[in-house]
N, C-alpha and C. Protein backbone atom coordinates (compact mmCIF):
# COMPACT_ATOMS: atom_id res chain seq x y z
N UNK A 1 116.24 75.65 69.41
CA UNK A 1 116.99 74.95 70.57
C UNK A 1 118.23 74.41 70.51
N UNK A 2 118.94 74.58 71.83
CA UNK A 2 120.33 73.90 71.65
C UNK A 2 120.44 72.61 71.84
N UNK A 3 120.94 71.77 70.99
CA UNK A 3 121.12 70.55 70.85
C UNK A 3 121.91 70.11 71.95
N UNK A 4 121.92 69.00 72.81
CA UNK A 4 123.00 68.13 73.94
C UNK A 4 123.06 66.73 73.55
N UNK A 5 123.51 66.56 72.51
CA UNK A 5 124.00 65.22 71.89
C UNK A 5 125.12 64.30 72.85
N UNK A 6 125.15 62.99 73.20
CA UNK A 6 126.01 62.25 74.01
C UNK A 6 126.97 61.57 73.16
N UNK A 7 128.07 61.39 73.24
CA UNK A 7 129.34 60.84 72.66
C UNK A 7 128.83 60.17 71.56
N UNK A 8 127.79 58.95 71.57
CA UNK A 8 127.92 58.31 70.38
C UNK A 8 127.14 58.91 69.19
N UNK A 9 126.07 60.08 69.43
CA UNK A 9 125.30 60.64 68.53
C UNK A 9 126.43 61.76 68.04
N UNK A 10 126.83 62.32 68.74
CA UNK A 10 128.06 63.51 68.15
C UNK A 10 128.96 62.55 67.31
N UNK A 11 129.60 61.70 67.77
CA UNK A 11 130.70 61.01 67.00
C UNK A 11 129.94 60.72 65.27
N UNK A 12 128.87 60.30 65.36
CA UNK A 12 128.07 59.92 64.36
C UNK A 12 127.67 61.20 63.45
N UNK A 13 127.96 62.80 63.94
CA UNK A 13 127.43 63.92 63.21
C UNK A 13 128.38 63.88 62.10
N UNK A 14 128.14 64.58 60.80
CA UNK A 14 128.88 64.91 60.03
C UNK A 14 129.99 65.97 59.92
N UNK A 15 129.91 66.91 60.96
CA UNK A 15 130.72 67.85 61.72
C UNK A 15 131.65 67.04 62.32
N UNK A 16 131.73 66.23 62.88
CA UNK A 16 132.60 65.34 63.67
C UNK A 16 133.15 64.19 62.62
N UNK A 17 132.69 63.47 62.50
CA UNK A 17 132.86 62.35 61.49
C UNK A 17 133.25 62.21 60.18
N UNK A 18 132.92 63.34 59.67
CA UNK A 18 133.24 63.59 58.09
C UNK A 18 134.08 64.87 58.27
N UNK A 19 134.88 65.51 59.41
CA UNK A 19 135.32 66.78 59.46
C UNK A 19 136.93 66.57 58.34
N UNK A 20 136.77 67.32 57.60
CA UNK A 20 137.98 67.60 56.53
C UNK A 20 138.77 68.72 57.09
N UNK A 21 138.73 69.98 58.13
CA UNK A 21 139.65 70.46 58.34
C UNK A 21 140.87 70.05 58.48
N UNK A 22 141.84 70.58 57.99
CA UNK A 22 143.43 70.45 58.17
C UNK A 22 143.86 68.96 58.31
N UNK A 23 143.03 68.00 57.61
CA UNK A 23 143.23 66.92 57.71
C UNK A 23 144.66 66.04 57.29
N UNK A 24 145.30 66.90 56.69
CA UNK A 24 146.39 66.75 55.64
C UNK A 24 147.42 67.52 56.41
N UNK A 25 147.57 67.92 57.37
CA UNK A 25 148.84 68.97 58.22
C UNK A 25 149.85 68.32 57.80
N UNK A 26 150.94 69.66 57.72
CA UNK A 26 152.12 69.47 58.08
C UNK A 26 152.64 69.56 59.24
N UNK A 27 153.93 69.00 59.33
CA UNK A 27 154.44 68.78 60.33
C UNK A 27 155.25 70.31 60.54
N UNK A 28 154.88 71.21 59.76
CA UNK A 28 154.92 72.95 60.05
C UNK A 28 154.04 73.30 60.42
N UNK A 29 152.78 73.11 60.27
CA UNK A 29 151.46 73.48 60.80
C UNK A 29 151.50 73.20 62.19
N UNK A 30 151.78 71.99 62.61
CA UNK A 30 152.08 71.78 64.01
C UNK A 30 152.94 72.84 64.96
N UNK A 31 154.11 73.29 64.24
CA UNK A 31 155.22 74.38 64.62
C UNK A 31 154.19 75.37 64.86
N UNK A 32 153.75 75.82 63.88
CA UNK A 32 153.39 77.04 63.68
C UNK A 32 151.85 76.98 64.71
N UNK A 33 150.99 76.39 64.68
CA UNK A 33 149.85 76.06 65.49
C UNK A 33 149.82 76.30 67.00
N UNK A 34 150.96 75.52 67.59
CA UNK A 34 151.05 75.08 68.88
C UNK A 34 152.04 75.94 69.41
N UNK A 35 152.93 76.45 68.65
CA UNK A 35 153.97 77.14 69.19
C UNK A 35 155.45 76.45 69.40
N UNK A 36 155.47 75.19 69.02
CA UNK A 36 156.54 74.45 69.38
C UNK A 36 156.90 73.20 68.59
N UNK A 37 158.04 72.82 68.49
CA UNK A 37 158.63 71.69 68.15
C UNK A 37 158.45 70.58 68.20
N UNK A 38 157.61 69.69 67.72
CA UNK A 38 157.13 68.48 68.21
C UNK A 38 158.42 67.76 68.59
N UNK A 39 159.29 67.32 67.39
CA UNK A 39 160.42 66.52 67.63
C UNK A 39 161.39 67.07 68.65
N UNK A 40 161.78 68.26 68.57
CA UNK A 40 162.46 68.87 69.63
C UNK A 40 162.05 68.62 70.89
N UNK A 41 160.61 68.44 71.15
CA UNK A 41 160.20 68.95 72.58
C UNK A 41 160.14 67.29 73.18
N UNK A 42 159.99 65.95 72.00
CA UNK A 42 159.72 64.74 72.37
C UNK A 42 161.29 64.41 72.77
N UNK A 43 162.30 64.64 71.88
CA UNK A 43 163.75 64.69 71.94
C UNK A 43 164.39 64.84 73.44
N UNK A 44 163.64 65.76 73.87
CA UNK A 44 164.20 66.32 74.96
C UNK A 44 164.29 65.48 76.05
N UNK A 45 163.35 64.17 76.05
CA UNK A 45 162.96 62.98 76.98
C UNK A 45 164.08 61.99 76.68
N UNK A 46 164.90 61.91 75.64
CA UNK A 46 165.62 60.76 75.23
C UNK A 46 165.15 60.23 73.85
N UNK A 47 164.51 59.13 73.91
CA UNK A 47 164.29 58.40 73.20
C UNK A 47 162.49 59.34 72.77
N UNK A 48 161.97 59.39 73.48
CA UNK A 48 160.76 60.20 73.40
C UNK A 48 159.72 59.35 72.88
N UNK A 49 158.17 59.88 73.44
CA UNK A 49 156.91 59.62 73.27
C UNK A 49 156.31 60.30 72.70
N UNK A 50 155.80 60.66 71.29
CA UNK A 50 155.04 61.41 71.09
C UNK A 50 153.26 61.09 70.79
N UNK A 51 151.97 61.70 71.22
CA UNK A 51 150.84 60.95 71.49
C UNK A 51 150.26 62.10 70.68
N UNK A 52 149.62 62.29 69.33
CA UNK A 52 149.15 62.98 68.48
C UNK A 52 147.39 62.57 68.63
N UNK A 53 146.31 63.13 69.42
CA UNK A 53 145.02 63.08 69.24
C UNK A 53 144.49 63.76 68.08
N UNK A 54 143.73 63.43 67.59
CA UNK A 54 142.51 63.71 66.23
C UNK A 54 143.86 64.04 65.46
N UNK A 55 144.45 63.39 64.89
CA UNK A 55 145.88 63.49 63.93
C UNK A 55 145.36 63.83 62.53
N UNK A 56 143.98 63.29 62.28
CA UNK A 56 144.03 63.60 60.86
C UNK A 56 144.68 62.37 59.81
N UNK A 57 145.21 62.50 58.71
CA UNK A 57 145.69 61.64 57.80
C UNK A 57 147.00 60.93 58.33
N UNK A 58 147.59 61.78 59.40
CA UNK A 58 148.94 61.65 60.08
C UNK A 58 150.09 61.97 59.50
N UNK A 59 149.72 62.48 57.96
CA UNK A 59 150.63 63.14 57.44
C UNK A 59 152.14 63.72 57.96
N UNK A 60 151.69 64.65 58.96
CA UNK A 60 152.98 65.22 59.86
C UNK A 60 153.74 64.22 60.36
N UNK A 61 152.65 63.00 61.13
CA UNK A 61 153.43 62.13 62.02
C UNK A 61 154.62 61.48 61.21
N UNK A 62 154.18 60.61 59.85
CA UNK A 62 154.99 60.10 59.12
C UNK A 62 156.56 60.80 58.65
N UNK A 63 155.87 62.30 58.18
CA UNK A 63 157.27 62.88 58.07
C UNK A 63 158.01 62.90 59.50
N UNK A 64 157.85 63.12 60.45
CA UNK A 64 158.60 63.35 61.59
C UNK A 64 159.17 61.91 61.81
N UNK A 65 158.16 60.72 61.65
CA UNK A 65 159.34 59.77 61.82
C UNK A 65 160.35 59.31 61.24
N UNK A 66 160.65 60.05 59.83
CA UNK A 66 161.37 59.64 58.97
C UNK A 66 162.89 60.57 59.39
N UNK A 67 162.50 61.74 60.51
CA UNK A 67 163.56 62.58 60.58
C UNK A 67 164.18 62.51 61.68
N UNK A 68 163.05 61.67 62.90
CA UNK A 68 163.39 61.03 64.07
C UNK A 68 163.29 59.85 64.70
N UNK A 69 163.96 58.98 63.93
CA UNK A 69 163.57 57.25 64.15
C UNK A 69 163.37 56.96 65.55
N UNK A 70 164.16 57.64 66.40
CA UNK A 70 164.05 57.06 67.80
C UNK A 70 162.85 57.64 68.54
N UNK A 71 161.99 58.36 68.11
CA UNK A 71 161.08 59.05 68.80
C UNK A 71 159.78 58.01 68.41
N UNK A 72 158.98 57.12 69.39
CA UNK A 72 158.25 56.67 69.06
C UNK A 72 156.77 57.41 69.27
N UNK A 73 156.04 57.80 68.00
CA UNK A 73 154.62 58.38 67.31
C UNK A 73 153.51 57.15 67.64
N UNK A 74 152.57 58.24 68.36
CA UNK A 74 151.49 57.41 68.35
C UNK A 74 150.15 58.32 67.79
N UNK A 75 149.39 58.41 66.36
CA UNK A 75 148.12 59.08 66.37
C UNK A 75 147.24 58.54 66.36
N UNK A 76 146.20 59.07 66.96
CA UNK A 76 144.69 58.88 67.18
C UNK A 76 143.90 59.29 66.59
N UNK A 77 142.71 59.01 65.78
CA UNK A 77 141.62 59.72 64.94
C UNK A 77 140.40 58.92 64.81
N UNK A 78 139.23 59.39 64.93
CA UNK A 78 137.88 58.90 65.21
C UNK A 78 137.72 58.59 63.63
N UNK A 79 138.04 59.12 62.72
CA UNK A 79 137.67 58.69 61.00
C UNK A 79 138.68 57.51 60.47
N UNK A 80 139.73 57.75 60.87
CA UNK A 80 140.91 56.58 60.42
C UNK A 80 141.45 56.98 58.71
N UNK A 81 141.14 57.88 58.38
CA UNK A 81 141.45 58.39 57.00
C UNK A 81 143.19 58.23 57.19
N UNK A 82 143.96 57.27 57.43
CA UNK A 82 145.44 57.79 57.35
C UNK A 82 146.14 57.76 56.01
N UNK A 83 147.33 58.40 56.24
CA UNK A 83 147.95 58.01 54.68
C UNK A 83 147.80 56.50 54.42
N UNK A 84 147.76 56.25 53.04
CA UNK A 84 147.67 55.05 52.47
C UNK A 84 149.63 54.34 52.81
N UNK A 85 149.44 52.89 52.74
CA UNK A 85 150.81 52.53 53.02
C UNK A 85 150.96 51.68 54.27
N UNK A 86 152.04 51.30 54.39
CA UNK A 86 152.41 51.06 55.93
C UNK A 86 153.17 51.94 56.54
N UNK A 87 153.00 52.80 57.51
CA UNK A 87 153.36 53.61 58.08
C UNK A 87 155.03 52.87 58.83
N UNK A 88 155.93 54.24 58.70
CA UNK A 88 157.28 53.64 59.52
C UNK A 88 157.15 53.08 60.73
N UNK A 89 158.06 52.09 61.03
CA UNK A 89 157.94 51.21 62.40
C UNK A 89 158.13 52.17 63.64
N UNK A 90 157.98 53.45 63.79
CA UNK A 90 157.82 54.17 65.01
C UNK A 90 156.87 54.99 65.20
N UNK A 91 155.89 54.48 64.08
CA UNK A 91 154.69 55.22 64.15
C UNK A 91 153.61 54.16 64.30
N UNK A 92 152.43 54.38 65.11
CA UNK A 92 151.21 53.75 65.24
C UNK A 92 150.11 54.20 65.08
N UNK A 93 149.07 54.31 64.30
CA UNK A 93 148.03 54.71 64.06
C UNK A 93 146.81 53.88 64.33
N UNK A 94 145.89 54.62 65.44
CA UNK A 94 145.02 53.96 66.06
C UNK A 94 143.38 54.69 65.89
N UNK A 95 142.51 53.71 65.07
CA UNK A 95 140.82 54.45 65.10
C UNK A 95 140.47 53.94 66.13
N UNK A 96 140.22 55.67 66.91
CA UNK A 96 139.59 55.39 68.60
C UNK A 96 139.15 56.63 68.50
N UNK A 97 137.55 56.23 69.63
CA UNK A 97 137.29 57.88 69.86
C UNK A 97 138.17 58.78 71.33
N UNK A 98 138.56 59.39 71.04
CA UNK A 98 139.51 60.06 72.17
C UNK A 98 138.86 60.46 73.37
N UNK A 99 137.70 60.07 73.66
CA UNK A 99 136.84 60.28 74.56
C UNK A 99 137.03 58.98 75.39
N UNK A 100 137.14 58.05 74.91
CA UNK A 100 137.25 56.42 75.28
C UNK A 100 138.51 55.98 75.74
N UNK A 101 139.61 56.11 74.58
CA UNK A 101 140.74 55.60 74.41
C UNK A 101 141.57 56.10 75.29
N UNK A 102 142.97 55.22 76.08
CA UNK A 102 143.57 55.46 76.45
C UNK A 102 145.23 54.64 76.03
N UNK A 103 146.12 55.39 76.41
CA UNK A 103 147.48 55.26 75.89
C UNK A 103 147.87 53.99 77.12
N UNK A 104 148.64 53.13 76.56
CA UNK A 104 149.56 52.01 77.34
C UNK A 104 150.80 52.37 77.85
N UNK A 105 151.25 53.68 77.62
CA UNK A 105 152.16 54.43 77.96
C UNK A 105 152.50 55.81 78.54
N UNK A 106 153.13 56.31 79.01
CA UNK A 106 153.09 57.79 79.33
C UNK A 106 153.79 58.45 78.32
N UNK A 107 153.32 59.66 77.81
CA UNK A 107 153.75 60.16 76.83
C UNK A 107 154.87 61.31 77.39
N UNK A 108 155.63 62.09 76.71
CA UNK A 108 156.58 62.73 76.76
C UNK A 108 156.25 63.99 76.20
N UNK A 109 155.02 64.05 74.94
CA UNK A 109 154.38 65.04 74.17
C UNK A 109 153.00 64.76 73.89
N UNK A 110 152.23 65.68 74.23
CA UNK A 110 151.14 65.11 73.90
C UNK A 110 150.31 66.75 73.00
N UNK A 111 150.23 66.16 71.68
CA UNK A 111 149.31 67.19 70.95
C UNK A 111 148.08 66.96 70.79
N UNK A 112 147.42 68.13 70.44
CA UNK A 112 146.00 68.21 69.78
C UNK A 112 145.70 69.59 68.72
N UNK A 113 145.80 69.63 67.47
CA UNK A 113 146.10 70.60 66.58
C UNK A 113 144.22 70.63 66.09
N UNK A 114 143.84 71.35 66.56
CA UNK A 114 142.26 71.93 66.38
C UNK A 114 141.21 70.62 66.59
N UNK A 115 141.90 69.59 67.37
CA UNK A 115 140.79 68.31 67.30
C UNK A 115 139.48 68.67 68.65
N UNK A 116 140.18 69.56 69.39
CA UNK A 116 139.20 69.62 70.69
C UNK A 116 138.00 70.60 70.21
N UNK A 117 138.25 71.06 69.09
CA UNK A 117 136.76 71.52 68.64
C UNK A 117 135.52 70.94 67.95
N UNK A 118 136.21 69.66 68.06
CA UNK A 118 135.21 68.34 67.71
C UNK A 118 134.84 67.46 68.56
N UNK A 119 135.40 67.60 69.98
CA UNK A 119 135.23 66.79 70.85
C UNK A 119 133.89 67.62 71.90
N UNK A 120 133.24 66.36 72.20
CA UNK A 120 132.09 67.08 73.21
C UNK A 120 132.44 67.45 74.45
N UNK A 121 133.25 65.88 75.32
CA UNK A 121 133.63 66.67 76.40
C UNK A 121 135.06 67.24 76.75
N UNK A 122 135.51 68.14 76.22
CA UNK A 122 136.22 69.01 75.89
C UNK A 122 137.30 68.92 77.48
N UNK A 123 136.91 69.38 78.04
CA UNK A 123 137.39 69.47 79.71
C UNK A 123 137.71 68.13 80.31
N UNK A 124 136.77 66.98 80.23
CA UNK A 124 137.03 65.67 80.62
C UNK A 124 138.26 64.88 79.47
N UNK A 125 138.57 65.37 78.22
CA UNK A 125 139.52 65.18 77.87
C UNK A 125 141.01 66.05 78.42
N UNK A 126 141.12 67.04 78.65
CA UNK A 126 142.27 67.49 79.47
C UNK A 126 142.43 67.12 80.45
N UNK A 127 141.27 66.95 81.21
CA UNK A 127 142.02 66.26 82.41
C UNK A 127 142.53 64.78 82.33
N UNK A 128 142.01 64.01 81.66
CA UNK A 128 142.67 62.21 81.14
C UNK A 128 143.71 62.73 80.75
N UNK A 129 143.88 63.25 79.80
CA UNK A 129 145.57 63.63 78.89
C UNK A 129 146.40 64.14 80.05
N UNK A 130 146.19 64.84 81.17
CA UNK A 130 146.84 65.24 81.95
C UNK A 130 147.76 64.00 82.73
N UNK A 131 146.98 63.26 83.23
CA UNK A 131 147.76 62.19 83.59
C UNK A 131 148.23 61.20 82.77
N UNK A 132 148.36 61.24 81.57
CA UNK A 132 149.10 60.47 80.41
C UNK A 132 150.17 61.23 80.43
N UNK A 133 150.94 62.17 80.87
CA UNK A 133 152.16 62.82 80.65
C UNK A 133 153.09 61.81 81.22
N UNK A 134 154.45 62.12 81.23
CA UNK A 134 155.42 61.78 81.77
C UNK A 134 155.53 62.59 83.02
N UNK A 135 156.62 62.69 83.52
CA UNK A 135 157.07 63.94 85.00
C UNK A 135 157.10 65.25 84.11
N UNK A 136 157.59 65.16 83.38
CA UNK A 136 158.40 66.26 82.34
C UNK A 136 157.77 66.29 81.32
N UNK A 137 156.55 65.57 80.82
CA UNK A 137 155.86 65.70 79.73
C UNK A 137 155.30 67.44 79.07
N UNK A 138 155.09 67.04 77.98
CA UNK A 138 153.98 68.70 77.44
C UNK A 138 152.81 68.41 76.91
N UNK A 139 151.95 68.72 77.66
CA UNK A 139 150.18 68.98 76.55
C UNK A 139 150.46 70.23 75.99
N UNK A 140 150.13 70.38 74.74
CA UNK A 140 149.86 71.65 74.01
C UNK A 140 148.33 71.21 73.01
N UNK A 141 147.50 72.31 73.03
CA UNK A 141 146.12 71.70 72.20
C UNK A 141 145.75 73.18 71.70
N UNK A 142 145.31 73.00 70.65
CA UNK A 142 144.13 74.43 70.09
C UNK A 142 143.03 74.61 71.28
N UNK A 143 142.66 75.18 71.59
CA UNK A 143 141.77 75.40 72.58
C UNK A 143 140.79 76.34 72.96
N UNK A 144 139.39 76.82 71.96
CA UNK A 144 138.50 77.90 71.97
C UNK A 144 137.79 77.83 73.35
N UNK A 145 138.20 78.66 74.54
CA UNK A 145 137.36 78.59 75.53
C UNK A 145 135.90 79.14 75.22
N UNK A 146 135.33 79.59 74.38
CA UNK A 146 134.51 79.91 74.14
C UNK A 146 133.77 79.18 73.68
N UNK A 147 133.94 77.71 73.38
CA UNK A 147 133.12 76.84 72.84
C UNK A 147 132.53 75.76 73.92
N UNK A 148 133.22 76.38 75.49
CA UNK A 148 132.98 75.68 76.52
C UNK A 148 131.66 76.41 77.47
N UNK A 149 130.28 75.94 77.26
CA UNK A 149 129.14 76.56 77.59
C UNK A 149 128.57 76.32 79.09
N UNK A 150 127.77 76.95 79.58
CA UNK A 150 127.05 76.89 80.91
C UNK A 150 125.46 76.03 80.14
N UNK A 151 124.62 75.62 81.12
CA UNK A 151 123.56 74.83 80.78
C UNK A 151 122.52 76.19 80.43
N UNK A 152 122.48 77.23 80.48
CA UNK A 152 121.91 78.61 79.91
C UNK A 152 122.59 79.07 78.75
N UNK A 153 123.60 78.36 77.95
CA UNK A 153 123.85 78.68 76.71
C UNK A 153 124.88 79.93 77.09
N UNK A 154 125.26 80.30 78.25
CA UNK A 154 126.19 81.32 78.37
C UNK A 154 127.62 80.69 78.20
N UNK A 155 128.87 81.57 78.07
CA UNK A 155 130.34 80.99 78.19
C UNK A 155 130.37 80.91 79.32
N UNK A 156 131.41 80.16 80.02
CA UNK A 156 131.74 79.48 81.18
C UNK A 156 132.98 80.87 81.26
N UNK A 157 133.36 81.36 80.83
CA UNK A 157 134.43 82.41 81.12
C UNK A 157 135.11 82.39 81.82
N UNK A 158 135.43 83.76 82.84
CA UNK A 158 136.60 83.68 83.62
C UNK A 158 136.60 82.82 84.83
N UNK A 159 135.50 82.16 85.40
CA UNK A 159 135.22 80.67 86.18
C UNK A 159 136.41 79.80 85.91
N UNK A 160 135.80 79.46 84.15
CA UNK A 160 136.20 78.34 83.69
C UNK A 160 137.70 78.65 83.61
N UNK A 161 138.47 79.87 83.40
CA UNK A 161 139.90 80.41 83.48
C UNK A 161 140.73 80.07 84.80
N UNK A 162 139.80 80.29 85.52
CA UNK A 162 140.32 80.22 86.62
C UNK A 162 140.50 78.94 86.89
N UNK A 163 139.56 78.10 86.76
CA UNK A 163 139.51 76.28 87.21
C UNK A 163 140.54 75.86 86.58
N UNK A 164 141.18 76.34 85.35
CA UNK A 164 142.25 75.86 84.48
C UNK A 164 143.81 76.25 85.07
N UNK A 165 143.74 77.39 85.63
CA UNK A 165 145.12 77.65 86.12
C UNK A 165 144.98 76.78 87.42
N UNK A 166 144.04 76.74 88.19
CA UNK A 166 144.19 76.12 89.63
C UNK A 166 144.42 74.50 89.38
N UNK A 167 144.05 74.29 88.56
CA UNK A 167 144.54 72.74 87.95
C UNK A 167 145.95 72.23 87.08
N UNK A 168 146.69 73.65 87.03
CA UNK A 168 147.82 73.52 86.46
C UNK A 168 148.07 73.85 85.03
N UNK A 169 146.74 74.10 84.26
CA UNK A 169 147.06 74.74 82.84
C UNK A 169 147.42 75.94 82.79
N UNK A 170 148.00 76.28 81.55
CA UNK A 170 148.24 77.61 81.11
C UNK A 170 147.29 77.74 79.93
N UNK A 171 146.80 79.17 79.81
CA UNK A 171 145.66 79.12 78.58
C UNK A 171 146.01 80.18 78.36
N UNK A 172 146.60 80.50 76.91
CA UNK A 172 146.55 81.80 76.19
C UNK A 172 145.14 81.99 75.54
N UNK A 173 144.49 83.12 75.93
CA UNK A 173 143.24 83.37 75.15
C UNK A 173 143.29 83.81 73.54
N UNK A 174 144.58 84.83 73.84
CA UNK A 174 144.53 85.35 72.67
C UNK A 174 144.95 84.26 71.49
N UNK A 175 145.89 83.66 71.61
CA UNK A 175 146.37 82.24 70.53
C UNK A 175 145.57 80.90 70.77
N UNK A 176 144.81 81.01 71.64
CA UNK A 176 143.66 80.05 71.95
C UNK A 176 144.13 78.93 71.87
N UNK A 177 145.42 78.94 73.07
CA UNK A 177 146.23 77.28 73.12
C UNK A 177 145.88 77.07 74.53
N UNK A 178 145.95 75.60 74.97
CA UNK A 178 146.22 75.59 76.28
C UNK A 178 147.15 74.66 76.45
N UNK A 179 147.80 74.73 77.38
CA UNK A 179 149.46 73.92 77.95
C UNK A 179 148.99 73.28 79.17
N UNK A 180 149.93 72.46 79.49
CA UNK A 180 150.35 71.34 80.65
C UNK A 180 151.67 70.66 80.73
N UNK A 181 152.44 71.62 81.78
CA UNK A 181 153.77 70.72 81.83
C UNK A 181 153.40 69.89 82.92
N UNK A 182 154.06 68.24 82.63
CA UNK A 182 154.01 67.48 83.89
C UNK A 182 152.74 66.51 84.15
N UNK A 183 153.09 65.65 84.40
CA UNK A 183 151.66 64.70 85.19
C UNK A 183 151.26 65.36 86.31
N UNK A 184 149.80 64.76 86.04
CA UNK A 184 148.70 64.97 87.62
C UNK A 184 147.91 64.62 87.33
N UNK A 185 147.17 64.32 88.14
CA UNK A 185 145.89 64.22 88.31
C UNK A 185 144.75 65.26 88.69
N UNK A 186 144.53 66.12 87.49
CA UNK A 186 143.86 67.36 87.12
C UNK A 186 142.26 67.21 87.38
N UNK A 187 141.65 67.99 88.47
CA UNK A 187 140.09 68.02 88.46
C UNK A 187 139.45 69.47 88.30
N UNK A 188 138.42 69.23 87.54
CA UNK A 188 138.16 70.39 87.06
C UNK A 188 136.21 70.24 87.27
N UNK A 189 135.87 71.47 87.82
CA UNK A 189 134.83 71.45 88.70
C UNK A 189 133.23 71.81 87.86
N UNK A 190 133.07 71.13 86.92
CA UNK A 190 132.46 70.93 85.71
C UNK A 190 131.80 69.57 85.44
N UNK A 191 130.43 69.37 85.79
CA UNK A 191 129.79 67.86 85.02
C UNK A 191 129.32 68.39 83.67
N UNK A 192 129.55 67.54 82.60
CA UNK A 192 129.38 67.39 81.34
C UNK A 192 128.18 67.26 81.05
N UNK A 193 127.50 68.05 80.15
CA UNK A 193 125.91 67.81 79.82
C UNK A 193 125.28 67.17 78.28
N UNK A 194 126.33 67.30 77.43
CA UNK A 194 126.39 67.16 76.28
C UNK A 194 126.69 68.56 75.38
N UNK A 195 126.70 67.95 73.89
CA UNK A 195 127.06 68.79 73.30
C UNK A 195 126.51 69.47 71.81
N UNK A 196 126.85 70.21 71.31
CA UNK A 196 125.77 70.60 69.97
C UNK A 196 126.81 70.86 68.80
N UNK A 197 126.29 70.19 68.06
CA UNK A 197 126.96 69.63 66.70
C UNK A 197 126.39 71.43 65.62
N UNK A 198 125.43 71.90 66.04
CA UNK A 198 125.02 72.89 65.22
C UNK A 198 125.63 74.46 65.38
N UNK A 199 126.47 74.26 66.41
CA UNK A 199 126.90 75.79 66.78
C UNK A 199 127.63 76.75 65.81
N UNK A 200 128.08 76.05 64.80
CA UNK A 200 127.90 77.03 63.77
C UNK A 200 130.09 77.21 63.25
N UNK A 201 130.22 77.74 62.82
CA UNK A 201 131.97 78.12 62.83
C UNK A 201 132.24 79.11 63.76
N UNK A 202 133.51 78.10 64.44
CA UNK A 202 134.25 79.27 65.04
C UNK A 202 135.43 79.98 64.78
N UNK A 203 136.66 80.18 65.26
CA UNK A 203 137.38 81.20 64.58
C UNK A 203 138.43 80.68 63.76
N UNK A 204 137.92 79.41 63.24
CA UNK A 204 138.84 79.06 62.40
C UNK A 204 137.95 78.86 61.14
N UNK A 205 136.49 79.49 61.07
CA UNK A 205 135.78 79.30 60.07
C UNK A 205 135.11 78.09 59.61
N UNK A 206 135.33 76.84 60.43
CA UNK A 206 134.81 76.12 60.17
C UNK A 206 133.69 75.36 61.38
N UNK A 207 132.63 75.05 60.83
CA UNK A 207 131.76 74.57 62.11
C UNK A 207 132.27 73.72 62.93
N UNK A 208 132.21 73.89 63.89
CA UNK A 208 132.66 73.39 65.52
C UNK A 208 131.70 73.12 66.38
N UNK A 209 131.85 72.38 67.71
CA UNK A 209 131.16 71.76 68.54
C UNK A 209 131.02 72.69 69.95
N UNK A 210 129.88 73.21 70.56
CA UNK A 210 129.90 73.68 71.76
C UNK A 210 129.51 72.91 72.56
N UNK A 211 130.34 72.39 73.58
CA UNK A 211 130.35 71.93 74.89
C UNK A 211 129.54 72.32 75.92
N UNK A 212 128.65 71.59 76.80
CA UNK A 212 127.70 72.13 77.54
C UNK A 212 127.79 71.41 79.17
N UNK A 213 128.09 72.56 80.05
CA UNK A 213 128.48 71.88 81.62
C UNK A 213 127.70 72.71 82.44
N UNK A 214 127.54 71.98 83.78
CA UNK A 214 127.01 72.33 85.04
C UNK A 214 128.22 72.61 85.54
N UNK A 215 128.52 73.85 86.50
CA UNK A 215 129.26 74.01 87.85
C UNK A 215 128.93 72.65 88.56
N UNK A 216 130.19 71.92 89.15
CA UNK A 216 129.95 70.82 89.67
C UNK A 216 130.96 71.03 91.02
N UNK A 217 130.95 71.98 92.05
CA UNK A 217 131.93 72.12 93.35
C UNK A 217 132.45 71.22 93.72
N UNK A 218 133.47 70.97 94.00
CA UNK A 218 134.43 69.58 94.34
C UNK A 218 134.31 69.78 95.99
């Protein structure tokens, strides 16, 4: 039987709380996974603010801080196993659930490398993150649409893809990547039902989380 865990139960799951996948990823991995240079993108806006969700150890952020000391970088992670030592002055690490936390200032760049695979309400987070951008800011994340399912277990499929487009998101199904340019109040017509931490491996080969929704016409 499919499990539908709430956020508290999901975040206590060993699949989520103790996930070790790519936690020490490098800055080069961000460029490869997301198809953008985070520092170049943030620098488009002057000093720039970069928000990285599910940042892992923060290795890439510390590396980036040394290369671009004028960029303000915030990394958020549920587990909080950050690199030891005091981070550079332009880096702030936050231990929090991305489903509840909110930034105190808009970001010029929001990234999430493989983190959405372990979030329960993936669509809710995408909609919230859209409102955290500056007017010309960019949101880019790994996103596997097959992990978004309806109550009967079937993939949300083409109706989801259409809803994302209407909300302003760009979805590259082949690269499993989602993007959004510019702040907006995004509305997606789905009601979150819960998540299954026993979904098994996704395309990365690592255990992931399926998220369940009911259509919610606006």
